[in-house]
Amino acid sequence: MTGDGTPGPRPPDDALARAFRLVRAPPAASARSTAPAHRFVTDPESVGEDLLKLVLTLVELLRQLIERQALRRVDAGDLTDEEEEELGATLMALHDALADLCAEHGYALEDLNLDLGPLGPLLPRN
């Protein structure tokens, strides 16, 4: 409805009108870059190994997070002595199993990491 009560398009309110004035028009077709977009190049033969390394890195990240949470619970006194022992043994077994998987595929635990560019590495350096 219009301002006089008759059907039709509604006049824009001030906030909406200001918002549309702030929106820039898209660049003209001639001003657009003709360069292709940056693409990630992979070697089809190494995709399986790259995927394995990514999965192992994520498992190591989760292992470290679980370990930190376990240490917080131990420091807070939330666990009994038996639970602390069991948790410690479980975390050591997980660490050993992950180290064995890495060795089986020619990696070391230190090889597992992702470079996140300006954010730095995914896993902290020890």
Protein backbone atom coordinates (compact mmCIF):
# COMPACT_ATOMS: atom_id res chain seq x y z
CA MET A 1 0.00 0.00 0.00
CA THR A 2 1.08 3.54 -0.61
CA GLY A 3 1.09 6.29 1.99
CA ASP A 4 -2.47 7.38 1.06
CA GLY A 5 -3.92 3.88 1.64
CA THR A 6 -4.26 2.88 -2.02
CA PRO A 7 -2.77 -0.41 -3.23
CA GLY A 8 0.57 -0.18 -4.93
CA PRO A 9 4.25 -0.17 -4.17
CA ARG A 10 5.21 1.15 -0.77
CA PRO A 11 7.66 4.06 -0.66
CA PRO A 12 10.99 3.02 0.84
CA ASP A 13 11.59 4.06 4.42
CA ASP A 14 14.67 6.11 5.21
CA ALA A 15 16.79 3.24 6.58
CA LEU A 16 16.19 1.05 3.54
CA ALA A 17 16.85 3.92 1.16
CA ARG A 18 20.13 4.73 2.94
CA ALA A 19 21.19 1.08 2.82
CA PHE A 20 20.71 0.88 -0.94
CA ARG A 21 22.65 4.09 -1.43
CA LEU A 22 25.61 2.44 0.36
CA VAL A 23 25.65 -0.59 -1.93
CA ARG A 24 28.13 -0.21 -4.75
CA ALA A 25 27.24 -1.12 -8.28
CA PRO A 26 29.08 -4.19 -9.65
CA PRO A 27 32.15 -3.39 -11.75
CA ALA A 28 31.68 -3.04 -15.47
CA ALA A 29 32.45 -6.12 -17.56
CA SER A 30 35.59 -4.50 -18.97
CA ALA A 31 36.93 -3.75 -15.46
CA ARG A 32 36.76 -7.39 -14.34
CA SER A 33 39.95 -9.40 -14.29
CA THR A 34 40.27 -11.96 -17.03
CA ALA A 35 42.85 -13.99 -15.08
CA PRO A 36 41.66 -17.44 -14.03
CA ALA A 37 40.84 -18.02 -10.38
CA HIS A 38 43.60 -19.45 -8.21
CA ARG A 39 43.18 -23.21 -8.11
CA PHE A 40 44.70 -25.84 -5.94
CA VAL A 41 46.83 -28.20 -8.02
CA THR A 42 47.05 -31.79 -6.87
CA ASP A 43 48.84 -34.81 -8.16
CA PRO A 44 46.23 -37.54 -8.79
CA GLU A 45 48.68 -40.22 -7.67
CA SER A 46 49.33 -38.59 -4.26
CA VAL A 47 45.72 -37.79 -3.35
CA GLY A 48 45.37 -40.97 -1.27
CA GLU A 49 48.51 -40.24 0.74
CA ASP A 50 47.48 -36.59 1.19
CA LEU A 51 44.08 -37.69 2.47
CA LEU A 52 45.70 -40.18 4.85
CA LYS A 53 48.01 -37.47 6.20
CA LEU A 54 45.03 -35.14 6.68
CA VAL A 55 43.08 -37.80 8.59
CA LEU A 56 46.09 -38.62 10.76
CA THR A 57 46.56 -34.89 11.47
CA LEU A 58 42.94 -34.53 12.55
CA VAL A 59 43.22 -37.61 14.79
CA GLU A 60 46.36 -36.12 16.37
CA LEU A 61 44.52 -32.83 16.92
CA LEU A 62 41.67 -34.64 18.65
CA ARG A 63 44.13 -36.68 20.72
CA GLN A 64 45.84 -33.49 21.91
CA LEU A 65 42.52 -31.85 22.75
CA ILE A 66 41.38 -34.90 24.73
CA GLU A 67 44.72 -34.97 26.52
CA ARG A 68 44.42 -31.30 27.51
CA GLN A 69 40.88 -31.83 28.77
CA ALA A 70 42.03 -34.86 30.76
CA LEU A 71 44.81 -32.80 32.35
CA ARG A 72 42.29 -30.12 33.31
CA ARG A 73 40.10 -32.75 34.96
CA VAL A 74 43.07 -34.22 36.81
CA ASP A 75 44.16 -30.74 37.99
CA ALA A 76 40.60 -29.97 39.11
CA GLY A 77 40.45 -33.22 41.10
CA ASP A 78 37.41 -34.52 39.19
CA LEU A 79 38.85 -38.04 38.80
CA THR A 80 39.62 -40.83 41.20
CA ASP A 81 43.11 -42.35 41.25
CA GLU A 82 41.88 -45.36 39.28
CA GLU A 83 40.25 -43.14 36.65
CA GLU A 84 43.45 -41.12 36.31
CA GLU A 85 45.46 -44.30 35.77
CA GLU A 86 43.00 -45.64 33.21
CA LEU A 87 42.86 -42.32 31.37
CA GLY A 88 46.65 -42.06 31.31
CA ALA A 89 47.00 -45.62 29.97
CA THR A 90 44.33 -44.98 27.33
CA LEU A 91 45.98 -41.76 26.15
CA MET A 92 49.38 -43.45 25.97
CA ALA A 93 47.89 -46.34 23.97
CA LEU A 94 46.24 -43.88 21.56
CA HIS A 95 49.52 -42.01 21.16
CA ASP A 96 51.40 -45.25 20.47
CA ALA A 97 48.77 -46.47 17.99
CA LEU A 98 48.90 -43.17 16.11
CA ALA A 99 52.71 -43.25 16.07
CA ASP A 100 52.57 -46.80 14.70
CA LEU A 101 50.13 -45.77 11.96
CA CYS A 102 52.37 -42.88 11.02
CA ALA A 103 55.45 -45.09 10.90
CA GLU A 104 53.59 -47.65 8.79
CA HIS A 105 52.97 -44.99 6.16
CA GLY A 106 56.36 -43.28 6.39
CA TYR A 107 55.44 -40.31 8.60
CA ALA A 108 56.52 -39.14 12.00
CA LEU A 109 54.11 -37.46 14.43
CA GLU A 110 56.07 -34.25 13.80
CA ASP A 111 55.08 -34.46 10.11
CA LEU A 112 51.39 -34.17 10.97
CA ASN A 113 50.35 -30.56 10.77
CA LEU A 114 48.51 -28.14 8.54
CA ASP A 115 49.75 -24.69 7.62
CA LEU A 116 46.80 -22.33 8.13
CA GLY A 117 48.54 -19.39 6.48
CA PRO A 118 48.38 -16.25 8.60
CA LEU A 119 46.90 -18.24 11.50
CA GLY A 120 49.99 -20.42 11.75
CA PRO A 121 50.15 -24.19 12.13
CA LEU A 122 47.12 -26.21 13.24
CA LEU A 123 49.05 -28.21 15.83
CA PRO A 124 51.31 -26.46 18.34
CA ARG A 125 55.01 -27.09 17.89
CA ASN A 126 56.46 -29.07 20.78
